[in-house]
C-alpha cells in the first residue's frame, strides 16, 4: 500500500486540558452473559487530531469501547470525556461521525444524496459542513454521483459511507472495521483514500481493525485489546505523509513485528 497525502497540522492539537483530548479513566463495562468485563478498568488518552487504532481478537471489547465513546452505552464505572464533553453530549451536538463495517446506504437515494443526508437531517451540523461533491471527487467517485447503491462495488459503497461521515466535519470519527468486507487490493485502495482525506481534514479518528499492517500504515498510535483490557499504545513513528513504499522498509516491518509480539504476549492472538 502506498500513501501519498498532503500534510497539515491537526486543529487544536498540542498541550492543553480536556478539550484537547479523549479521556477514559477507569472505565469498566460488564454484560451478564460474559465471563469477563467487556471493558476492564480502561485508561486511555487520545490527542485531538490523531489517528488512533485499537486491534485485537473478536470479542475483545473493541466495539464496546466505540459504543461507549459514541454515547450509545453507559460505562458501569469510570468516566469518559470527548474534548471536554460527555459522549452523549458530543453525540447530540453532532461532534462525532460513525463509519460501520456495513455502509448502510439508503438504496433509493443516489450516491450524492446519501452523502448529503447528514446535512439535511442534522441541522446542527450546518456551520461546519463540507461540499458533498468535493468529498466525492477526493474519493474518486464523481463519475458515480448519480448512481444508486446497487450499482456500486463494495469498495465504492464504503467510500460513499466515508464521504457521508466527513460531510458534516465531525471533530471525532469512529470507524468499526470499515474495510472488513473488502478484498485485500480494494481494502488497500480505500485505505489510501481515507488517509489522504484524513490528512486534509484532520478529525480525530478512533479506528478498529483486525489487520496489523493496516493498523501500522494508518495510525499514530495502536493499542492492543483483549478480554476488556487495553495495553499501553505503541507509537507509530513513521513519517507523515507516509512516503511511497514505506510498507517495504525496515522500520515498518519492525513495528508490525512489535505489534504481533504484543498480541501474542498479551492475549495469545496470532496477529493477522
Protein backbone atom coordinates (compact mmCIF):
# COMPACT_ATOMS: atom_id res chain seq x y z
CA UNK A 1 0.00 0.00 0.00
CA UNK A 2 1.44 3.40 -0.93
CA UNK A 3 0.32 6.54 0.85
CA UNK A 4 0.57 9.98 -0.71
CA UNK A 5 -1.02 12.69 1.41
CA UNK A 6 -0.96 16.43 1.86
CA UNK A 7 0.45 17.28 5.30
CA UNK A 8 -1.41 19.56 7.66
CA UNK A 9 -1.34 20.24 11.40
CA UNK A 10 -4.24 18.88 13.46
CA UNK A 11 -6.60 21.65 14.55
CA UNK A 12 -6.40 22.29 18.28
CA UNK A 13 -3.57 19.79 18.77
CA UNK A 14 -0.93 20.38 21.38
CA UNK A 15 -0.79 20.66 25.14
CA UNK A 16 -3.95 21.66 26.90
CA UNK A 17 -6.81 20.50 29.04
CA UNK A 18 -9.60 18.03 28.48
CA UNK A 19 -10.81 19.96 25.43
CA UNK A 20 -7.74 18.68 23.54
CA UNK A 21 -8.15 15.00 24.39
CA UNK A 22 -10.43 11.99 24.57
CA UNK A 23 -10.02 10.55 28.06
CA UNK A 24 -11.09 7.19 29.50
CA UNK A 25 -10.50 6.95 33.24
CA UNK A 26 -11.02 3.60 34.95
CA UNK A 27 -13.84 2.62 32.59
CA UNK A 28 -15.48 -0.75 33.20
CA UNK A 29 -18.46 -2.25 31.39
CA UNK A 30 -19.89 -5.68 32.19
CA UNK A 31 -22.57 -7.75 30.46
CA UNK A 32 -24.34 -10.59 32.34
CA UNK A 33 -23.66 -13.23 29.67
CA UNK A 34 -19.90 -12.59 29.53
CA UNK A 35 -17.30 -14.38 31.66
CA UNK A 36 -15.19 -11.22 31.92
CA UNK A 37 -15.87 -7.48 31.59
CA UNK A 38 -16.19 -6.11 28.07
CA UNK A 39 -14.14 -3.15 29.35
CA UNK A 40 -11.93 -3.71 32.38
CA UNK A 41 -10.52 -0.58 34.06
CA UNK A 42 -9.64 1.07 30.75
CA UNK A 43 -7.43 4.16 30.99
CA UNK A 44 -6.75 5.97 27.74
CA UNK A 45 -5.83 9.41 26.42
CA UNK A 46 -6.09 10.29 22.71
CA UNK A 47 -4.80 13.60 21.38
CA UNK A 48 -7.08 15.73 19.21
CA UNK A 49 -6.31 15.33 15.51
CA UNK A 50 -4.55 11.97 15.84
CA UNK A 51 -5.32 8.62 14.21
CA UNK A 52 -5.68 6.04 16.99
CA UNK A 53 -6.26 2.34 16.28
CA UNK A 54 -7.46 -0.49 18.52
CA UNK A 55 -6.61 -4.02 17.44
CA UNK A 56 -7.45 -7.37 18.98
CA UNK A 57 -9.31 -10.65 18.52
CA UNK A 58 -13.08 -10.91 18.12
CA UNK A 59 -14.89 -10.46 21.43
CA UNK A 60 -12.02 -8.42 22.87
CA UNK A 61 -14.20 -5.40 23.70
CA UNK A 62 -13.24 -3.15 20.77
CA UNK A 63 -16.80 -2.45 19.60
CA UNK A 64 -17.93 -1.88 23.18
CA UNK A 65 -15.20 0.75 23.53
CA UNK A 66 -16.54 2.54 20.42
CA UNK A 67 -20.15 2.36 21.62
CA UNK A 68 -19.22 3.86 24.99
CA UNK A 69 -17.28 6.58 23.20
CA UNK A 70 -20.27 7.27 20.95
CA UNK A 71 -22.62 7.61 23.93
CA UNK A 72 -24.59 4.51 22.91
CA UNK A 73 -23.62 2.66 26.11
CA UNK A 74 -23.09 3.98 29.63
CA UNK A 75 -19.99 2.67 31.42
CA UNK A 76 -20.66 0.70 34.56
CA UNK A 77 -17.94 2.66 36.33
CA UNK A 78 -15.33 5.24 35.41
CA UNK A 79 -15.63 8.33 33.24
CA UNK A 80 -15.28 9.26 29.57
CA UNK A 81 -14.64 12.74 28.19
CA UNK A 82 -14.75 13.70 24.49
CA UNK A 83 -12.90 17.01 24.20
CA UNK A 84 -14.42 18.17 27.49
CA UNK A 85 -17.92 16.81 26.80
CA UNK A 86 -19.71 13.68 27.92
CA UNK A 87 -20.07 11.24 24.99
CA UNK A 88 -23.87 11.68 24.92
CA UNK A 89 -23.40 15.46 24.74
CA UNK A 90 -20.90 15.12 21.89
CA UNK A 91 -23.35 12.86 20.05
CA UNK A 92 -26.27 15.26 20.46
CA UNK A 93 -24.13 18.16 19.26
CA UNK A 94 -23.14 16.16 16.13
CA UNK A 95 -19.48 16.24 17.18
CA UNK A 96 -18.87 12.66 16.08
CA UNK A 97 -19.34 10.59 12.96
CA UNK A 98 -19.54 6.81 12.55
CA UNK A 99 -18.36 4.54 9.73
CA UNK A 100 -19.62 0.98 10.41
CA UNK A 101 -18.49 -2.29 8.86
CA UNK A 102 -21.56 -2.22 6.59
CA UNK A 103 -22.03 1.08 4.70
CA UNK A 104 -25.81 1.17 5.40
CA UNK A 105 -26.61 3.40 2.43
CA UNK A 106 -30.22 4.23 1.61
CA UNK A 107 -30.92 2.20 -1.55
CA UNK A 108 -33.41 4.68 -3.05
CA UNK A 109 -31.04 7.66 -2.81
CA UNK A 110 -28.23 8.41 -5.23
CA UNK A 111 -24.60 8.47 -4.13
CA UNK A 112 -24.66 12.27 -3.88
CA UNK A 113 -27.92 12.27 -1.92
CA UNK A 114 -26.59 9.66 0.50
CA UNK A 115 -23.60 11.91 1.23
CA UNK A 116 -25.92 14.91 1.63
CA UNK A 117 -28.16 13.08 4.09
CA UNK A 118 -26.42 14.16 7.37
CA UNK A 119 -26.56 17.79 6.26
CA UNK A 120 -30.30 17.50 5.66
CA UNK A 121 -31.25 15.73 8.89
CA UNK A 122 -28.63 17.25 11.21
CA UNK A 123 -29.26 20.97 11.13
CA UNK A 124 -26.79 21.49 13.97
CA UNK A 125 -24.04 20.47 11.58
CA UNK A 126 -24.76 23.28 9.12
CA UNK A 127 -21.94 25.62 10.18
CA UNK A 128 -19.13 23.14 9.51
CA UNK A 129 -20.42 21.17 6.55
CA UNK A 130 -18.29 20.09 3.61
CA UNK A 131 -19.29 20.15 -0.04
CA UNK A 132 -20.54 16.61 -0.82
CA UNK A 133 -19.44 16.87 -4.46
CA UNK A 134 -15.90 17.81 -3.41
CA UNK A 135 -15.74 14.89 -0.98
CA UNK A 136 -16.83 12.52 -3.75
CA UNK A 137 -14.12 13.96 -6.00
CA UNK A 138 -11.45 13.36 -3.33
CA UNK A 139 -12.66 9.77 -3.03
CA UNK A 140 -12.72 9.34 -6.83
CA UNK A 141 -16.47 8.96 -7.05
CA UNK A 142 -17.51 12.00 -9.11
CA UNK A 143 -18.44 9.77 -12.02
CA UNK A 144 -20.83 7.80 -9.77
CA UNK A 145 -22.63 10.67 -8.04
CA UNK A 146 -25.97 9.83 -9.72
CA UNK A 147 -25.65 6.05 -9.25
CA UNK A 148 -27.79 4.11 -6.79
CA UNK A 149 -26.01 1.95 -4.17
CA UNK A 150 -26.99 -1.26 -6.01
CA UNK A 151 -24.88 -0.09 -8.96
CA UNK A 152 -21.70 0.21 -6.84
CA UNK A 153 -18.98 -2.23 -5.90
CA UNK A 154 -18.30 -2.94 -2.22
CA UNK A 155 -15.31 -0.61 -2.19
CA UNK A 156 -17.30 2.19 -3.79
CA UNK A 157 -20.11 1.81 -1.24
CA UNK A 158 -17.62 2.07 1.59
CA UNK A 159 -16.11 5.21 0.06
CA UNK A 160 -19.61 6.73 -0.05
CA UNK A 161 -20.00 5.90 3.66
CA UNK A 162 -16.68 7.62 4.40
CA UNK A 163 -17.71 10.72 2.43
CA UNK A 164 -21.03 10.79 4.30
CA UNK A 165 -19.23 10.67 7.67
CA UNK A 166 -16.90 13.53 6.68
CA UNK A 167 -19.72 15.67 5.23
CA UNK A 168 -20.59 17.49 8.46
CA UNK A 169 -16.93 17.79 9.57
CA UNK A 170 -17.20 15.99 12.92
CA UNK A 171 -14.23 16.52 15.28
CA UNK A 172 -14.30 12.78 16.08
CA UNK A 173 -14.72 9.93 13.60
CA UNK A 174 -15.35 6.38 14.85
CA UNK A 175 -14.59 3.56 12.40
CA UNK A 176 -15.58 0.00 13.31
CA UNK A 177 -13.72 -2.39 10.97
CA UNK A 178 -14.86 -0.43 7.90
CA UNK A 179 -12.76 -2.47 5.46
CA UNK A 180 -13.53 -5.94 6.83
CA UNK A 181 -15.80 -6.91 3.91
CA UNK A 182 -13.38 -5.87 1.18
CA UNK A 183 -10.79 -7.90 -0.70
CA UNK A 184 -7.14 -7.07 0.03
CA UNK A 185 -6.50 -4.95 -3.08
CA UNK A 186 -9.69 -2.91 -2.65
CA UNK A 187 -9.02 -2.60 1.07
CA UNK A 188 -5.61 -1.05 0.38
CA UNK A 189 -7.02 1.36 -2.21
CA UNK A 190 -9.78 2.59 0.10
CA UNK A 191 -7.32 2.94 2.99
CA UNK A 192 -5.11 5.17 0.81
CA UNK A 193 -8.09 7.41 0.00
CA UNK A 194 -9.17 7.55 3.64
CA UNK A 195 -5.70 8.60 4.76
CA UNK A 196 -5.47 11.26 2.05
CA UNK A 197 -8.82 12.71 3.16
CA UNK A 198 -7.96 12.48 6.87
CA UNK A 199 -4.64 14.23 6.30
CA UNK A 200 -6.51 17.19 4.79
CA UNK A 201 -9.49 17.35 7.17
CA UNK A 202 -7.69 16.05 10.28
CA UNK A 203 -10.51 14.87 12.55
CA UNK A 204 -9.56 12.64 15.45
CA UNK A 205 -10.07 9.03 14.32
CA UNK A 206 -10.60 6.02 16.56
CA UNK A 207 -10.28 3.02 14.23
CA UNK A 208 -10.90 -0.67 14.94
CA UNK A 209 -9.31 -3.38 12.82
CA UNK A 210 -8.02 -6.96 12.87
CA UNK A 211 -5.17 -6.16 10.47
CA UNK A 212 -1.73 -5.46 11.93
CA UNK A 213 -0.34 -3.99 8.70
CA UNK A 214 -3.38 -1.76 8.25
CA UNK A 215 -3.05 -0.51 11.83
CA UNK A 216 0.62 0.40 11.37
CA UNK A 217 0.08 2.03 7.97
CA UNK A 218 -2.76 4.29 9.09
CA UNK A 219 -2.06 5.16 12.69
CA UNK A 220 -0.19 7.45 15.05
CA UNK A 221 -0.75 5.02 17.92
CA UNK A 222 -2.02 1.43 18.16
CA UNK A 223 -3.31 -0.26 21.32
CA UNK A 224 -3.99 -3.99 21.70
CA UNK A 225 -7.26 -5.04 23.32
CA UNK A 226 -8.39 -8.40 24.67
CA UNK A 227 -10.80 -9.54 27.38
CA UNK A 228 -11.63 -5.92 28.06
CA UNK A 229 -8.07 -4.82 28.82
CA UNK A 230 -6.09 -2.31 26.78
CA UNK A 231 -2.30 -2.32 26.51
CA UNK A 232 -0.27 0.92 26.55
CA UNK A 233 -0.32 2.31 22.98
CA UNK A 234 2.52 1.55 20.58
CA UNK A 235 3.84 4.75 18.98
CA UNK A 236 3.97 4.52 15.19
CA UNK A 237 6.98 6.72 14.48
CA UNK A 238 6.70 6.73 10.70
CA UNK A 239 6.77 10.00 8.72
CA UNK A 240 3.61 11.80 7.68
CA UNK A 241 2.59 11.93 4.96
CA UNK A 242 3.52 8.28 4.57
CA UNK A 243 6.14 8.02 1.80
CA UNK A 244 5.52 5.70 -1.11
CA UNK A 245 6.86 2.23 -0.35
CA UNK A 246 7.02 2.76 3.42
CA UNK A 247 5.48 -0.67 3.93
CA UNK A 248 8.63 -2.25 2.45
CA UNK A 249 11.03 -0.54 4.87
CA UNK A 250 12.75 -1.97 7.95
CA UNK A 251 11.03 0.45 10.40
CA UNK A 252 7.61 -0.63 9.10
CA UNK A 253 8.47 -4.34 9.46
CA UNK A 254 9.86 -3.75 12.96
CA UNK A 255 6.63 -2.04 14.03
CA UNK A 256 4.42 -4.82 12.65
CA UNK A 257 6.64 -7.39 14.39
CA UNK A 258 6.39 -5.47 17.68
CA UNK A 259 2.61 -5.30 17.38
CA UNK A 260 2.28 -9.01 16.62
CA UNK A 261 4.50 -9.76 19.61
CA UNK A 262 2.23 -7.62 21.82
CA UNK A 263 -0.80 -9.58 20.58
CA UNK A 264 0.87 -12.92 21.32
CA UNK A 265 2.22 -11.87 24.69
CA UNK A 266 -0.96 -10.22 25.97
CA UNK A 267 -3.68 -12.44 24.61
CA UNK A 268 -2.24 -15.35 22.67
CA UNK A 269 -3.63 -13.91 19.41
CA UNK A 270 -1.64 -14.74 16.26
CA UNK A 271 -1.91 -11.27 14.65
CA UNK A 272 -3.09 -11.05 11.04
